[in-house]
C-alpha atoms as a PDB file:
ATOM      1  CA  UNK A   1     -34.280  -2.122 -53.003  1.00  0.00           C
ATOM      2  CA  UNK A   2     -35.430   1.513 -52.731  1.00  0.00           C
ATOM      3  CA  UNK A   3     -34.866   2.290 -56.432  1.00  0.00           C
ATOM      4  CA  UNK A   4     -36.708  -0.897 -57.456  1.00  0.00           C
ATOM      5  CA  UNK A   5     -39.729   0.068 -55.385  1.00  0.00           C
ATOM      6  CA  UNK A   6     -39.678   3.646 -56.713  1.00  0.00           C
ATOM      7  CA  UNK A   7     -39.557   2.600 -60.366  1.00  0.00           C
ATOM      8  CA  UNK A   8     -42.204  -0.091 -60.054  1.00  0.00           C
ATOM      9  CA  UNK A   9     -44.374   2.287 -58.075  1.00  0.00           C
ATOM     10  CA  UNK A  10     -44.192   4.867 -60.841  1.00  0.00           C
ATOM     11  CA  UNK A  11     -45.117   2.470 -63.630  1.00  0.00           C
ATOM     12  CA  UNK A  12     -47.316  -0.107 -61.928  1.00  0.00           C
ATOM     13  CA  UNK A  13     -49.541   2.534 -60.357  1.00  0.00           C
ATOM     14  CA  UNK A  14     -50.754   3.243 -63.870  1.00  0.00           C
ATOM     15  CA  UNK A  15     -52.590  -0.061 -64.145  1.00  0.00           C
ATOM     16  CA  UNK A  16     -54.417  -2.209 -61.629  1.00  0.00           C
ATOM     17  CA  UNK A  17     -56.621  -5.325 -61.747  1.00  0.00           C
ATOM     18  CA  UNK A  18     -60.035  -4.678 -63.281  1.00  0.00           C
ATOM     19  CA  UNK A  19     -62.664  -4.010 -60.636  1.00  0.00           C
ATOM     20  CA  UNK A  20     -65.838  -3.568 -62.673  1.00  0.00           C
ATOM     21  CA  UNK A  21     -66.880  -2.735 -66.200  1.00  0.00           C
ATOM     22  CA  UNK A  22     -67.998   0.781 -67.039  1.00  0.00           C
ATOM     23  CA  UNK A  23     -69.538   2.400 -70.104  1.00  0.00           C
ATOM     24  CA  UNK A  24     -67.111   4.616 -71.980  1.00  0.00           C
ATOM     25  CA  UNK A  25     -67.190   7.028 -74.888  1.00  0.00           C
ATOM     26  CA  UNK A  26     -68.503   4.976 -77.853  1.00  0.00           C
ATOM     27  CA  UNK A  27     -65.566   6.234 -79.945  1.00  0.00           C
ATOM     28  CA  UNK A  28     -63.125   4.826 -77.409  1.00  0.00           C
ATOM     29  CA  UNK A  29     -63.715   1.075 -77.817  1.00  0.00           C
ATOM     30  CA  UNK A  30     -62.485   0.871 -81.425  1.00  0.00           C
ATOM     31  CA  UNK A  31     -59.470   3.020 -80.523  1.00  0.00           C
ATOM     32  CA  UNK A  32     -58.457   0.720 -77.646  1.00  0.00           C
ATOM     33  CA  UNK A  33     -58.998  -2.337 -79.823  1.00  0.00           C
ATOM     34  CA  UNK A  34     -56.878  -0.832 -82.581  1.00  0.00           C
ATOM     35  CA  UNK A  35     -54.080   0.058 -80.179  1.00  0.00           C
ATOM     36  CA  UNK A  36     -53.997  -3.408 -78.643  1.00  0.00           C
ATOM     37  CA  UNK A  37     -53.871  -4.994 -82.097  1.00  0.00           C
ATOM     38  CA  UNK A  38     -51.095  -2.728 -83.379  1.00  0.00           C
ATOM     39  CA  UNK A  39     -48.952  -2.949 -80.243  1.00  0.00           C
ATOM     40  CA  UNK A  40     -49.379  -6.732 -79.957  1.00  0.00           C
ATOM     41  CA  UNK A  41     -47.248  -7.293 -83.085  1.00  0.00           C
ATOM     42  CA  UNK A  42     -44.278  -5.584 -81.431  1.00  0.00           C
ATOM     43  CA  UNK A  43     -42.088  -8.267 -79.850  1.00  0.00           C
ATOM     44  CA  UNK A  44     -39.122  -6.094 -78.863  1.00  0.00           C
ATOM     45  CA  UNK A  45     -38.435  -2.424 -78.211  1.00  0.00           C
ATOM     46  CA  UNK A  46     -35.234  -0.434 -77.813  1.00  0.00           C
ATOM     47  CA  UNK A  47     -35.600   3.270 -77.098  1.00  0.00           C
ATOM     48  CA  UNK A  48     -33.827   6.186 -75.459  1.00  0.00           C
ATOM     49  CA  UNK A  49     -35.845   8.043 -72.845  1.00  0.00           C
ATOM     50  CA  UNK A  50     -35.841  11.306 -70.941  1.00  0.00           C
ATOM     51  CA  UNK A  51     -37.629  11.507 -67.604  1.00  0.00           C
ATOM     52  CA  UNK A  52     -38.461  14.924 -66.189  1.00  0.00           C
ATOM     53  CA  UNK A  53     -39.682  14.978 -62.607  1.00  0.00           C
ATOM     54  CA  UNK A  54     -41.158  18.273 -61.406  1.00  0.00           C
ATOM     55  CA  UNK A  55     -41.132  18.556 -57.615  1.00  0.00           C
ATOM     56  CA  UNK A  56     -43.774  21.055 -56.531  1.00  0.00           C
ATOM     57  CA  UNK A  57     -42.470  21.439 -52.974  1.00  0.00           C
ATOM     58  CA  UNK A  58     -38.948  22.382 -54.062  1.00  0.00           C
ATOM     59  CA  UNK A  59     -39.875  24.102 -57.355  1.00  0.00           C
ATOM     60  CA  UNK A  60     -37.210  22.177 -59.208  1.00  0.00           C
ATOM     61  CA  UNK A  61     -36.931  19.724 -62.069  1.00  0.00           C
ATOM     62  CA  UNK A  62     -34.946  16.485 -61.983  1.00  0.00           C
ATOM     63  CA  UNK A  63     -33.962  15.177 -65.433  1.00  0.00           C
ATOM     64  CA  UNK A  64     -32.830  11.594 -66.053  1.00  0.00           C
ATOM     65  CA  UNK A  65     -31.682  10.199 -69.404  1.00  0.00           C
ATOM     66  CA  UNK A  66     -31.256   6.577 -70.346  1.00  0.00           C
ATOM     67  CA  UNK A  67     -32.375   3.663 -72.469  1.00  0.00           C
ATOM     68  CA  UNK A  68     -35.023   0.950 -72.195  1.00  0.00           C
ATOM     69  CA  UNK A  69     -34.958  -2.542 -73.696  1.00  0.00           C
ATOM     70  CA  UNK A  70     -38.123  -4.687 -73.732  1.00  0.00           C
ATOM     71  CA  UNK A  71     -38.341  -8.243 -75.036  1.00  0.00           C
ATOM     72  CA  UNK A  72     -41.715  -9.980 -74.844  1.00  0.00           C
ATOM     73  CA  UNK A  73     -42.548 -11.906 -72.838  1.00  0.00           C
ATOM     74  CA  UNK A  74     -40.986 -11.028 -69.535  1.00  0.00           C
ATOM     75  CA  UNK A  75     -37.694  -9.195 -70.154  1.00  0.00           C
ATOM     76  CA  UNK A  76     -37.145  -5.517 -69.356  1.00  0.00           C
ATOM     77  CA  UNK A  77     -33.926  -3.539 -68.935  1.00  0.00           C
ATOM     78  CA  UNK A  78     -34.138   0.055 -67.668  1.00  0.00           C
ATOM     79  CA  UNK A  79     -30.830   1.958 -67.745  1.00  0.00           C
ATOM     80  CA  UNK A  80     -30.116   5.517 -66.607  1.00  0.00           C
ATOM     81  CA  UNK A  81     -26.914   7.117 -67.885  1.00  0.00           C
ATOM     82  CA  UNK A  82     -27.155  10.706 -66.622  1.00  0.00           C
ATOM     83  CA  UNK A  83     -26.920  12.310 -64.133  1.00  0.00           C
ATOM     84  CA  UNK A  84     -26.053   8.938 -62.588  1.00  0.00           C
ATOM     85  CA  UNK A  85     -25.578   5.418 -63.877  1.00  0.00           C
ATOM     86  CA  UNK A  86     -28.218   2.971 -62.726  1.00  0.00           C
ATOM     87  CA  UNK A  87     -29.618  -0.226 -64.211  1.00  0.00           C
ATOM     88  CA  UNK A  88     -32.604  -2.427 -63.474  1.00  0.00           C
ATOM     89  CA  UNK A  89     -33.068  -5.767 -65.237  1.00  0.00           C
ATOM     90  CA  UNK A  90     -36.257  -7.804 -64.893  1.00  0.00           C
ATOM     91  CA  UNK A  91     -36.592 -11.414 -66.042  1.00  0.00           C
ATOM     92  CA  UNK A  92     -39.287 -14.007 -65.231  1.00  0.00           C
ATOM     93  CA  UNK A  93     -37.378 -15.174 -62.141  1.00  0.00           C
ATOM     94  CA  UNK A  94     -35.912 -12.057 -60.566  1.00  0.00           C
ATOM     95  CA  UNK A  95     -35.331  -8.314 -60.410  1.00  0.00           C
ATOM     96  CA  UNK A  96     -31.718  -7.142 -60.375  1.00  0.00           C
ATOM     97  CA  UNK A  97     -30.429  -3.612 -59.909  1.00  0.00           C
ATOM     98  CA  UNK A  98     -27.031  -1.904 -59.872  1.00  0.00           C
ATOM     99  CA  UNK A  99     -25.986   1.702 -59.257  1.00  0.00           C
ATOM    100  CA  UNK A 100     -22.646   3.458 -59.490  1.00  0.00           C
ATOM    101  CA  UNK A 101     -22.928   5.001 -56.008  1.00  0.00           C
ATOM    102  CA  UNK A 102     -22.626   1.660 -54.231  1.00  0.00           C
ATOM    103  CA  UNK A 103     -21.211  -0.474 -57.043  1.00  0.00           C
ATOM    104  CA  UNK A 104     -23.360  -3.289 -55.677  1.00  0.00           C
ATOM    105  CA  UNK A 105     -25.836  -5.606 -57.382  1.00  0.00           C
ATOM    106  CA  UNK A 106     -29.064  -6.280 -55.493  1.00  0.00           C
ATOM    107  CA  UNK A 107     -31.387  -9.120 -56.443  1.00  0.00           C
ATOM    108  CA  UNK A 108     -34.940  -9.975 -55.504  1.00  0.00           C
ATOM    109  CA  UNK A 109     -36.642 -13.289 -56.264  1.00  0.00           C
ATOM    110  CA  UNK A 110     -40.056 -12.931 -57.869  1.00  0.00           C
ATOM    111  CA  UNK A 111     -41.095 -16.389 -56.703  1.00  0.00           C
ATOM    112  CA  UNK A 112     -40.735 -15.198 -53.110  1.00  0.00           C
ATOM    113  CA  UNK A 113     -42.377 -11.817 -53.744  1.00  0.00           C
ATOM    114  CA  UNK A 114     -45.701 -12.337 -55.556  1.00  0.00           C
ATOM    115  CA  UNK A 115     -46.706  -8.687 -55.072  1.00  0.00           C
ATOM    116  CA  UNK A 116     -43.785  -7.650 -57.275  1.00  0.00           C
ATOM    117  CA  UNK A 117     -44.872 -10.215 -59.874  1.00  0.00           C
ATOM    118  CA  UNK A 118     -48.264  -8.494 -60.075  1.00  0.00           C
ATOM    119  CA  UNK A 119     -46.665  -5.046 -60.364  1.00  0.00           C
ATOM    120  CA  UNK A 120     -44.341  -6.180 -63.129  1.00  0.00           C
ATOM    121  CA  UNK A 121     -47.159  -7.826 -65.063  1.00  0.00           C
ATOM    122  CA  UNK A 122     -49.156  -4.604 -64.846  1.00  0.00           C
ATOM    123  CA  UNK A 123     -46.151  -2.613 -66.023  1.00  0.00           C
ATOM    124  CA  UNK A 124     -45.669  -4.928 -68.996  1.00  0.00           C
ATOM    125  CA  UNK A 125     -49.367  -4.667 -69.854  1.00  0.00           C
ATOM    126  CA  UNK A 126     -48.987  -0.906 -69.916  1.00  0.00           C
ATOM    127  CA  UNK A 127     -46.184  -1.051 -72.479  1.00  0.00           C
ATOM    128  CA  UNK A 128     -47.948  -3.715 -74.556  1.00  0.00           C
ATOM    129  CA  UNK A 129     -51.160  -1.712 -75.029  1.00  0.00           C
ATOM    130  CA  UNK A 130     -53.531  -3.770 -72.864  1.00  0.00           C
ATOM    131  CA  UNK A 131     -55.652  -0.739 -72.022  1.00  0.00           C
ATOM    132  CA  UNK A 132     -59.050  -2.438 -72.082  1.00  0.00           C
ATOM    133  CA  UNK A 133     -58.223  -4.043 -68.742  1.00  0.00           C
ATOM    134  CA  UNK A 134     -57.869  -0.562 -67.203  1.00  0.00           C
ATOM    135  CA  UNK A 135     -61.449   0.530 -67.870  1.00  0.00           C
ATOM    136  CA  UNK A 136     -62.603  -0.739 -64.474  1.00  0.00           C
ATOM    137  CA  UNK A 137     -60.155   1.526 -62.662  1.00  0.00           C
ATOM    138  CA  UNK A 138     -59.948   4.542 -64.952  1.00  0.00           C
ATOM    139  CA  UNK A 139     -62.184   6.941 -66.775  1.00  0.00           C
ATOM    140  CA  UNK A 140     -60.508   6.883 -70.178  1.00  0.00           C
ATOM    141  CA  UNK A 141     -60.935   9.916 -72.390  1.00  0.00           C
ATOM    142  CA  UNK A 142     -60.023  10.271 -76.040  1.00  0.00           C
ATOM    143  CA  UNK A 143     -58.191  13.611 -76.045  1.00  0.00           C
ATOM    144  CA  UNK A 144     -57.113  13.604 -79.681  1.00  0.00           C
ATOM    145  CA  UNK A 145     -57.221  11.290 -82.699  1.00  0.00           C
ATOM    146  CA  UNK A 146     -54.309  12.883 -84.577  1.00  0.00           C
ATOM    147  CA  UNK A 147     -51.938  12.607 -82.861  1.00  0.00           C
ATOM    148  CA  UNK A 148     -53.576   9.918 -80.752  1.00  0.00           C
ATOM    149  CA  UNK A 149     -53.716  10.897 -77.087  1.00  0.00           C
ATOM    150  CA  UNK A 150     -55.589   9.247 -74.215  1.00  0.00           C
ATOM    151  CA  UNK A 151     -56.263  10.558 -70.732  1.00  0.00           C
ATOM    152  CA  UNK A 152     -56.670   8.235 -67.734  1.00  0.00           C
ATOM    153  CA  UNK A 153     -58.376   9.583 -64.592  1.00  0.00           C
ATOM    154  CA  UNK A 154     -58.531   7.135 -61.653  1.00  0.00           C
ATOM    155  CA  UNK A 155     -61.997   6.108 -60.523  1.00  0.00           C
ATOM    156  CA  UNK A 156     -62.802   6.886 -56.909  1.00  0.00           C
ATOM    157  CA  UNK A 157     -62.343   3.314 -55.651  1.00  0.00           C
ATOM    158  CA  UNK A 158     -59.234   2.470 -57.669  1.00  0.00           C
ATOM    159  CA  UNK A 159     -55.861   2.211 -55.843  1.00  0.00           C
ATOM    160  CA  UNK A 160     -54.310   4.936 -58.008  1.00  0.00           C
ATOM    161  CA  UNK A 161     -56.961   7.469 -56.898  1.00  0.00           C
ATOM    162  CA  UNK A 162     -55.099   7.961 -53.620  1.00  0.00           C
ATOM    163  CA  UNK A 163     -52.189   9.751 -55.270  1.00  0.00           C
ATOM    164  CA  UNK A 164     -52.694  10.077 -59.059  1.00  0.00           C
ATOM    165  CA  UNK A 165     -54.738  12.952 -60.503  1.00  0.00           C
ATOM    166  CA  UNK A 166     -54.466  11.857 -64.128  1.00  0.00           C
ATOM    167  CA  UNK A 167     -52.199  10.237 -66.700  1.00  0.00           C
ATOM    168  CA  UNK A 168     -51.913  11.330 -70.318  1.00  0.00           C
ATOM    169  CA  UNK A 169     -50.514   9.038 -73.007  1.00  0.00           C
ATOM    170  CA  UNK A 170     -49.375  10.334 -76.391  1.00  0.00           C
ATOM    171  CA  UNK A 171     -48.686   7.710 -79.061  1.00  0.00           C
ATOM    172  CA  UNK A 172     -46.276   7.531 -81.978  1.00  0.00           C
ATOM    173  CA  UNK A 173     -47.795   8.338 -85.383  1.00  0.00           C
ATOM    174  CA  UNK A 174     -47.975   4.627 -86.320  1.00  0.00           C
ATOM    175  CA  UNK A 175     -49.639   3.836 -82.950  1.00  0.00           C
ATOM    176  CA  UNK A 176     -47.289   0.920 -82.348  1.00  0.00           C
ATOM    177  CA  UNK A 177     -45.640   2.474 -79.334  1.00  0.00           C
ATOM    178  CA  UNK A 178     -45.932   5.188 -76.708  1.00  0.00           C
ATOM    179  CA  UNK A 179     -44.303   8.530 -77.479  1.00  0.00           C
ATOM    180  CA  UNK A 180     -44.865  10.237 -74.140  1.00  0.00           C
ATOM    181  CA  UNK A 181     -46.326   9.559 -70.689  1.00  0.00           C
ATOM    182  CA  UNK A 182     -47.341  12.444 -68.420  1.00  0.00           C
ATOM    183  CA  UNK A 183     -48.210  11.594 -64.814  1.00  0.00           C
ATOM    184  CA  UNK A 184     -49.829  14.257 -62.621  1.00  0.00           C
ATOM    185  CA  UNK A 185     -49.892  13.519 -58.895  1.00  0.00           C
ATOM    186  CA  UNK A 186     -52.372  14.916 -56.379  1.00  0.00           C
ATOM    187  CA  UNK A 187     -49.487  16.245 -54.271  1.00  0.00           C
ATOM    188  CA  UNK A 188     -48.553  18.586 -57.118  1.00  0.00           C
ATOM    189  CA  UNK A 189     -45.557  16.671 -58.481  1.00  0.00           C
ATOM    190  CA  UNK A 190     -45.534  15.560 -62.095  1.00  0.00           C
ATOM    191  CA  UNK A 191     -43.451  13.241 -64.249  1.00  0.00           C
ATOM    192  CA  UNK A 192     -42.924  13.494 -67.989  1.00  0.00           C
ATOM    193  CA  UNK A 193     -41.435  10.402 -69.596  1.00  0.00           C
ATOM    194  CA  UNK A 194     -40.802  10.576 -73.323  1.00  0.00           C
ATOM    195  CA  UNK A 195     -39.189   8.136 -75.713  1.00  0.00           C
ATOM    196  CA  UNK A 196     -36.745   8.956 -78.505  1.00  0.00           C
ATOM    197  CA  UNK A 197     -35.845   6.999 -81.663  1.00  0.00           C
ATOM    198  CA  UNK A 198     -37.574   3.707 -80.782  1.00  0.00           C
ATOM    199  CA  UNK A 199     -36.433   0.574 -82.625  1.00  0.00           C
ATOM    200  CA  UNK A 200     -39.144  -2.073 -82.925  1.00  0.00           C
ATOM    201  CA  UNK A 201     -38.703  -5.807 -83.540  1.00  0.00           C
ATOM    202  CA  UNK A 202     -34.932  -5.602 -83.870  1.00  0.00           C
ATOM    203  CA  UNK A 203     -32.471  -7.936 -82.162  1.00  0.00           C
ATOM    204  CA  UNK A 204     -31.544  -6.703 -78.699  1.00  0.00           C
ATOM    205  CA  UNK A 205     -27.873  -7.033 -77.636  1.00  0.00           C
ATOM    206  CA  UNK A 206     -27.489  -9.913 -75.134  1.00  0.00           C
ATOM    207  CA  UNK A 207     -25.600  -7.586 -72.777  1.00  0.00           C
ATOM    208  CA  UNK A 208     -28.833  -5.627 -72.266  1.00  0.00           C
ATOM    209  CA  UNK A 209     -29.891  -8.376 -69.844  1.00  0.00           C
ATOM    210  CA  UNK A 210     -26.658  -8.131 -67.813  1.00  0.00           C
ATOM    211  CA  UNK A 211     -27.264  -5.678 -65.010  1.00  0.00           C
ATOM    212  CA  UNK A 212     -23.643  -4.433 -64.790  1.00  0.00           C
ATOM    213  CA  UNK A 213     -22.978  -4.136 -68.537  1.00  0.00           C
ATOM    214  CA  UNK A 214     -22.400  -0.753 -70.182  1.00  0.00           C
ATOM    215  CA  UNK A 215     -24.686  -1.432 -73.160  1.00  0.00           C
ATOM    216  CA  UNK A 216     -26.363   1.585 -74.749  1.00  0.00           C
END
């Protein structure tokens, strides 16, 4: 389950339950409301991605390429094709992963692991534009209107403050989906995750929800 924990840790750390309300930049509220409205009409997403992980200690970059499928509510398929083949499929009942190194499928029941249910819900909120719920845990800054970019800095008492310095989100021109996520860690590592050629509200191949399939 190591890869499952790593992936959920990367994405779920970006959002946490609201702790308390805070005043923000007056220009920010309409932006967050607009984003939530625009992204709420997207029921499915298919997109290629490139993930660049910069490891400060080793002064090297690890690059992963793959594809993501999201079907609201509750379905997510994360597939890495290079430099290794790996797939993670999440449905309302379970998490399933497969990798080419072991050739084995591992499954985890969400009913028996409520902490993973919370992490997955937070991850799905992140991709669906539910940013208003993050205001209790993050100082949110409007970096740019065109293109739209937001910066999230963890508040002192938020869980993410222990290891996240900041997160920057760059949106597609139509503001219906994320173009790029940049995560800067306090340890000096950073992750750049960017999405290529997203397809919105188009039928997703059924094989996308089969963990061992070779769908692309």
